[in-house]
């Protein structure tokens, strides 16, 4: 016995997200080409690191755009949730790429601190400004949809990190132009790395949490059990499981043992509606997709319990 709500507005979000991601991808890919040329012309590690970061972001946005298209596909008998989890997989890959770039940037920047290269600050400044302008435009495009799902959050995070990286490049160019201190380029690369790694690790932790089918953060499963067992006619709750298919899509299943008299009285159906309303409305995390197996007390001896 289950419970379902229609989410027609999600199709509007999906269409809008795809448009935003397509524009952001086009802009980011253009900036990538410009920064690669700029890194070659200026010999800047900061710009090269930012270009490598931009490459992962371009790939990440392509993944995000692909995931957004997959999410729009309807469920089938083989994929009953459709491709809703594609957004989580996309965000996982994006965050892993960001983490790899951040670690690489830190290692290479430390190496360049001891052997700084000759940098051309004027070209570095111009390419930094171009990158910043492009990233600001991408941020503005994606910002409206960044709270829709993890896929959009990952894409927005990548663009924000790009923008901060461009600021670091601009600052390094100004320092080199005014003081001649070439190590400013390596310092900027370290700053970019410090901006990337913590955010990437946080996002990777969130996506891994979902992929491991852990209980949604903010949902106390013991409190759920207690609340369900306090409902009239309920004796016990077992095999209680809660997980998350994708962003904003928590699910819950449970076996609910009730008094035998509830079946003879014909009120088990009303109890089911009450249980579904409880998990949808009572807790901070609203679970609109719940499945309850209502069991008479006499059936409990044949059950093999699993889970909470």
Protein backbone atom coordinates (compact mmCIF):
# COMPACT_ATOMS: atom_id res chain seq x y z
CA UNK A 1 0.00 0.00 0.00
CA UNK A 2 1.61 3.28 -0.99
CA UNK A 3 1.22 6.95 -1.28
CA UNK A 4 2.02 9.33 -4.12
CA UNK A 5 1.78 13.01 -4.93
CA UNK A 6 1.84 14.59 -8.35
CA UNK A 7 4.73 16.97 -8.95
CA UNK A 8 3.86 18.58 -12.27
CA UNK A 9 5.80 21.71 -11.45
CA UNK A 10 9.04 19.65 -11.50
CA UNK A 11 8.81 19.48 -15.32
CA UNK A 12 8.93 23.29 -15.44
CA UNK A 13 12.01 23.23 -13.20
CA UNK A 14 13.66 20.62 -15.42
CA UNK A 15 13.10 22.60 -18.63
CA UNK A 16 14.37 25.80 -17.02
CA UNK A 17 17.39 23.99 -15.56
CA UNK A 18 18.34 22.58 -18.95
CA UNK A 19 18.23 26.04 -20.53
CA UNK A 20 20.33 27.55 -17.73
CA UNK A 21 22.89 24.76 -17.93
CA UNK A 22 23.14 25.00 -21.73
CA UNK A 23 23.96 28.71 -21.54
CA UNK A 24 26.41 28.21 -18.66
CA UNK A 25 28.12 25.39 -20.59
CA UNK A 26 28.56 27.55 -23.71
CA UNK A 27 30.01 30.45 -21.70
CA UNK A 28 32.33 28.23 -19.64
CA UNK A 29 33.64 26.42 -22.71
CA UNK A 30 34.44 29.80 -24.32
CA UNK A 31 36.29 30.97 -21.21
CA UNK A 32 38.23 27.68 -21.16
CA UNK A 33 39.58 28.30 -24.65
CA UNK A 34 40.55 31.87 -23.71
CA UNK A 35 42.31 30.78 -20.50
CA UNK A 36 44.29 28.02 -22.22
CA UNK A 37 45.56 30.59 -24.73
CA UNK A 38 46.24 33.00 -21.87
CA UNK A 39 48.20 30.42 -19.83
CA UNK A 40 50.42 29.71 -22.84
CA UNK A 41 50.99 33.42 -23.56
CA UNK A 42 51.61 34.53 -19.95
CA UNK A 43 53.27 31.36 -18.50
CA UNK A 44 51.02 31.76 -15.45
CA UNK A 45 50.49 28.74 -13.18
CA UNK A 46 47.46 30.41 -11.59
CA UNK A 47 45.87 30.87 -14.99
CA UNK A 48 46.85 27.33 -16.02
CA UNK A 49 45.34 25.91 -12.82
CA UNK A 50 42.22 28.00 -13.36
CA UNK A 51 42.09 26.71 -16.96
CA UNK A 52 42.36 23.12 -15.67
CA UNK A 53 39.62 23.96 -13.17
CA UNK A 54 37.60 25.42 -16.03
CA UNK A 55 38.10 22.21 -18.02
CA UNK A 56 36.64 20.13 -15.19
CA UNK A 57 33.82 22.65 -14.87
CA UNK A 58 33.09 22.45 -18.59
CA UNK A 59 32.96 18.67 -18.30
CA UNK A 60 30.92 19.01 -15.12
CA UNK A 61 28.40 21.30 -16.76
CA UNK A 62 28.18 18.87 -19.68
CA UNK A 63 27.47 16.11 -17.16
CA UNK A 64 24.91 18.32 -15.43
CA UNK A 65 23.22 19.11 -18.75
CA UNK A 66 23.14 15.41 -19.63
CA UNK A 67 21.70 14.57 -16.21
CA UNK A 68 19.05 17.29 -16.57
CA UNK A 69 17.94 15.70 -19.84
CA UNK A 70 17.88 12.23 -18.28
CA UNK A 71 15.83 13.45 -15.30
CA UNK A 72 13.11 14.59 -17.72
CA UNK A 73 12.55 11.03 -18.94
CA UNK A 74 9.44 9.31 -17.66
CA UNK A 75 9.62 6.24 -15.37
CA UNK A 76 9.35 2.82 -16.99
CA UNK A 77 8.76 -0.72 -15.74
CA UNK A 78 12.54 -1.22 -15.78
CA UNK A 79 13.35 2.11 -14.13
CA UNK A 80 10.46 2.87 -11.81
CA UNK A 81 12.01 6.15 -10.64
CA UNK A 82 13.11 7.07 -14.15
CA UNK A 83 16.56 8.65 -14.18
CA UNK A 84 16.02 10.78 -11.09
CA UNK A 85 19.26 9.53 -9.54
CA UNK A 86 21.23 10.77 -12.55
CA UNK A 87 21.48 14.16 -10.85
CA UNK A 88 23.16 12.57 -7.81
CA UNK A 89 25.61 10.63 -9.98
CA UNK A 90 26.39 13.78 -11.96
CA UNK A 91 27.00 15.81 -8.80
CA UNK A 92 29.26 13.04 -7.45
CA UNK A 93 31.43 13.03 -10.57
CA UNK A 94 31.55 16.84 -10.62
CA UNK A 95 32.64 17.07 -6.99
CA UNK A 96 35.26 14.33 -7.49
CA UNK A 97 36.69 16.24 -10.48
CA UNK A 98 36.77 19.46 -8.45
CA UNK A 99 38.58 17.70 -5.61
CA UNK A 100 41.20 16.25 -7.97
CA UNK A 101 41.86 19.68 -9.53
CA UNK A 102 42.11 21.31 -6.10
CA UNK A 103 44.70 18.80 -4.87
CA UNK A 104 46.70 19.09 -8.10
CA UNK A 105 46.68 22.89 -7.84
CA UNK A 106 48.00 22.81 -4.26
CA UNK A 107 50.85 20.40 -5.08
CA UNK A 108 51.97 22.28 -8.19
CA UNK A 109 51.67 25.66 -6.48
CA UNK A 110 53.99 24.57 -3.65
CA UNK A 111 56.49 23.33 -6.22
CA UNK A 112 56.36 26.65 -8.10
CA UNK A 113 56.90 28.61 -4.87
CA UNK A 114 60.48 27.30 -4.85
CA UNK A 115 60.98 27.81 -8.58
CA UNK A 116 58.78 30.71 -9.72
CA UNK A 117 58.34 31.21 -13.45
CA UNK A 118 58.49 34.53 -15.29
CA UNK A 119 54.92 35.86 -15.59
CA UNK A 120 53.50 38.46 -18.01
CA UNK A 121 51.14 40.42 -15.73
CA UNK A 122 49.32 42.48 -18.36
CA UNK A 123 48.11 39.47 -20.30
CA UNK A 124 47.35 37.66 -17.04
CA UNK A 125 45.18 40.57 -15.91
CA UNK A 126 43.20 40.69 -19.14
CA UNK A 127 42.51 36.97 -19.18
CA UNK A 128 41.54 37.08 -15.51
CA UNK A 129 39.03 39.84 -16.21
CA UNK A 130 37.58 37.94 -19.18
CA UNK A 131 37.19 34.84 -17.02
CA UNK A 132 35.55 36.79 -14.19
CA UNK A 133 33.01 38.47 -16.48
CA UNK A 134 32.06 35.16 -18.07
CA UNK A 135 31.71 33.45 -14.69
CA UNK A 136 29.57 36.24 -13.28
CA UNK A 137 27.19 35.86 -16.24
CA UNK A 138 27.07 32.08 -15.72
CA UNK A 139 26.42 32.57 -11.99
CA UNK A 140 23.52 34.87 -12.77
CA UNK A 141 22.05 32.37 -15.23
CA UNK A 142 22.30 29.34 -12.91
CA UNK A 143 21.52 31.08 -9.59
CA UNK A 144 17.73 30.91 -10.01
CA UNK A 145 17.80 27.11 -10.17
CA UNK A 146 20.61 26.31 -7.74
CA UNK A 147 18.22 25.14 -4.99
CA UNK A 148 16.23 22.80 -7.25
CA UNK A 149 18.51 19.76 -6.88
CA UNK A 150 22.07 18.57 -6.21
CA UNK A 151 22.90 18.64 -9.90
CA UNK A 152 22.19 22.37 -10.11
CA UNK A 153 23.95 23.01 -6.80
CA UNK A 154 27.08 21.28 -8.10
CA UNK A 155 26.97 23.31 -11.32
CA UNK A 156 26.50 26.58 -9.41
CA UNK A 157 29.33 25.67 -7.04
CA UNK A 158 31.68 25.07 -9.95
CA UNK A 159 30.89 28.44 -11.50
CA UNK A 160 31.30 30.24 -8.15
CA UNK A 161 34.69 28.59 -7.66
CA UNK A 162 35.65 29.67 -11.18
CA UNK A 163 34.71 33.25 -10.39
CA UNK A 164 36.74 33.23 -7.16
CA UNK A 165 39.64 31.70 -9.07
CA UNK A 166 39.45 34.52 -11.62
CA UNK A 167 39.56 37.06 -8.78
CA UNK A 168 42.71 35.36 -7.44
CA UNK A 169 44.27 35.53 -10.92
CA UNK A 170 43.47 39.26 -11.19
CA UNK A 171 44.96 39.98 -7.76
CA UNK A 172 48.11 38.01 -8.66
CA UNK A 173 48.47 39.99 -11.91
CA UNK A 174 48.20 43.31 -10.07
CA UNK A 175 50.75 42.24 -7.43
CA UNK A 176 53.23 41.07 -10.08
CA UNK A 177 52.75 44.24 -12.14
CA UNK A 178 53.29 46.56 -9.15
CA UNK A 179 55.96 44.66 -7.18
CA UNK A 180 57.52 42.15 -9.56
CA UNK A 181 56.96 39.36 -7.00
CA UNK A 182 56.45 36.31 -9.21
CA UNK A 183 55.48 34.04 -6.33
CA UNK A 184 52.13 35.86 -6.19
CA UNK A 185 51.09 33.58 -9.04
CA UNK A 186 51.71 30.46 -6.93
CA UNK A 187 49.97 32.03 -3.94
CA UNK A 188 46.92 32.68 -6.15
CA UNK A 189 46.97 29.03 -7.24
CA UNK A 190 47.02 27.95 -3.56
CA UNK A 191 44.07 30.26 -2.84
CA UNK A 192 42.11 28.71 -5.71
CA UNK A 193 42.90 25.26 -4.32
CA UNK A 194 41.79 26.28 -0.82
CA UNK A 195 38.49 27.49 -2.28
CA UNK A 196 37.89 24.31 -4.27
CA UNK A 197 38.77 21.46 -1.90
CA UNK A 198 36.45 22.07 1.11
CA UNK A 199 33.39 22.74 -1.05
CA UNK A 200 34.10 19.72 -3.24
CA UNK A 201 34.48 17.47 -0.18
CA UNK A 202 31.22 18.74 1.32
CA UNK A 203 29.26 18.11 -1.87
CA UNK A 204 30.91 14.71 -2.32
CA UNK A 205 29.85 13.82 1.23
CA UNK A 206 26.24 14.78 0.49
CA UNK A 207 26.02 12.77 -2.72
CA UNK A 208 27.73 9.74 -1.15
CA UNK A 209 25.22 9.93 1.71
CA UNK A 210 22.39 9.54 -0.82
CA UNK A 211 24.10 6.83 -2.87
CA UNK A 212 24.63 4.77 0.29
CA UNK A 213 20.87 5.08 0.90
CA UNK A 214 21.44 6.58 4.34
CA UNK A 215 18.56 8.10 6.29
CA UNK A 216 17.88 11.64 4.97
CA UNK A 217 19.69 14.26 7.03
CA UNK A 218 17.30 15.97 9.44
CA UNK A 219 15.05 12.91 9.81
CA UNK A 220 15.17 11.10 13.17
CA UNK A 221 14.08 7.55 12.41
CA UNK A 222 13.62 6.72 16.11
CA UNK A 223 11.23 9.67 16.43
CA UNK A 224 9.37 8.44 13.34
CA UNK A 225 8.98 4.99 14.87
CA UNK A 226 7.77 6.43 18.18
CA UNK A 227 5.25 8.69 16.46
CA UNK A 228 3.87 5.85 14.33
CA UNK A 229 3.60 3.50 17.28
CA UNK A 230 1.58 6.12 19.17
CA UNK A 231 -1.17 5.99 16.55
CA UNK A 232 -4.43 4.32 17.71
CA UNK A 233 -4.46 0.56 17.08
CA UNK A 234 -0.72 0.30 16.28
CA UNK A 235 1.17 -2.29 18.34
CA UNK A 236 4.64 -2.06 16.82
CA UNK A 237 6.62 -0.85 13.81
CA UNK A 238 9.49 -2.86 12.30
CA UNK A 239 11.50 -3.04 9.06
CA UNK A 240 11.51 0.74 9.05
CA UNK A 241 13.66 2.16 6.26
CA UNK A 242 14.12 5.72 4.99
CA UNK A 243 16.39 6.83 2.17
CA UNK A 244 16.59 9.36 -0.64
CA UNK A 245 16.22 8.67 -4.36
CA UNK A 246 17.35 12.17 -5.36
CA UNK A 247 17.09 15.77 -4.16
CA UNK A 248 13.74 16.48 -2.51
CA UNK A 249 12.66 12.86 -2.98
CA UNK A 250 12.86 10.99 0.35
CA UNK A 251 11.09 7.64 0.61
CA UNK A 252 10.04 5.51 3.58
CA UNK A 253 8.84 1.93 4.02
CA UNK A 254 7.68 0.13 7.17
CA UNK A 255 5.79 -2.89 8.45
CA UNK A 256 3.12 -1.81 10.91
CA UNK A 257 1.69 -4.37 13.33
CA UNK A 258 -1.88 -3.58 14.41
CA UNK A 259 -4.54 -5.19 16.57
CA UNK A 260 -6.38 -8.03 14.85
CA UNK A 261 -9.67 -6.31 15.56
CA UNK A 262 -8.77 -3.47 13.17
CA UNK A 263 -9.10 -5.83 10.21
CA UNK A 264 -12.46 -7.20 11.29
CA UNK A 265 -13.68 -3.66 11.95
CA UNK A 266 -12.57 -2.58 8.46
CA UNK A 267 -10.59 0.44 9.66
CA UNK A 268 -7.15 -0.63 8.35
CA UNK A 269 -7.63 1.60 5.30
CA UNK A 270 -8.23 4.65 7.48
CA UNK A 271 -5.13 3.80 9.50
CA UNK A 272 -3.06 3.65 6.31
CA UNK A 273 -4.17 7.15 5.31
CA UNK A 274 -3.36 8.38 8.81
CA UNK A 275 0.14 6.89 8.74
CA UNK A 276 0.86 8.41 5.33
CA UNK A 277 -0.35 11.81 6.53
CA UNK A 278 1.88 11.50 9.62
CA UNK A 279 5.14 11.07 7.69
CA UNK A 280 4.14 13.68 5.09
CA UNK A 281 3.12 16.43 7.53
CA UNK A 282 4.47 15.81 11.03
CA UNK A 283 8.24 15.92 10.51
CA UNK A 284 10.66 18.56 9.23
CA UNK A 285 11.51 16.27 6.31
CA UNK A 286 8.23 15.73 4.47
CA UNK A 287 8.03 12.18 3.09
CA UNK A 288 5.36 12.12 0.41
CA UNK A 289 6.38 8.72 -0.99
CA UNK A 290 5.73 6.16 1.75
CA UNK A 291 4.81 2.49 1.69
CA UNK A 292 3.31 0.71 4.71
CA UNK A 293 2.60 -2.99 5.10
CA UNK A 294 -0.25 -3.32 7.60
CA UNK A 295 -0.03 -6.61 9.50
CA UNK A 296 -2.32 -8.18 12.11
CA UNK A 297 -0.62 -9.14 15.37
CA UNK A 298 -1.21 -12.83 14.58
CA UNK A 299 0.99 -12.48 11.47
CA UNK A 300 4.04 -11.16 13.31
CA UNK A 301 5.42 -14.58 14.26
CA UNK A 302 6.02 -15.40 10.58
CA UNK A 303 7.94 -12.16 9.87
CA UNK A 304 11.70 -11.97 9.40
CA UNK A 305 12.61 -8.49 10.50
CA UNK A 306 15.26 -6.42 8.77
CA UNK A 307 16.26 -2.84 9.30
CA UNK A 308 15.37 -0.42 12.06
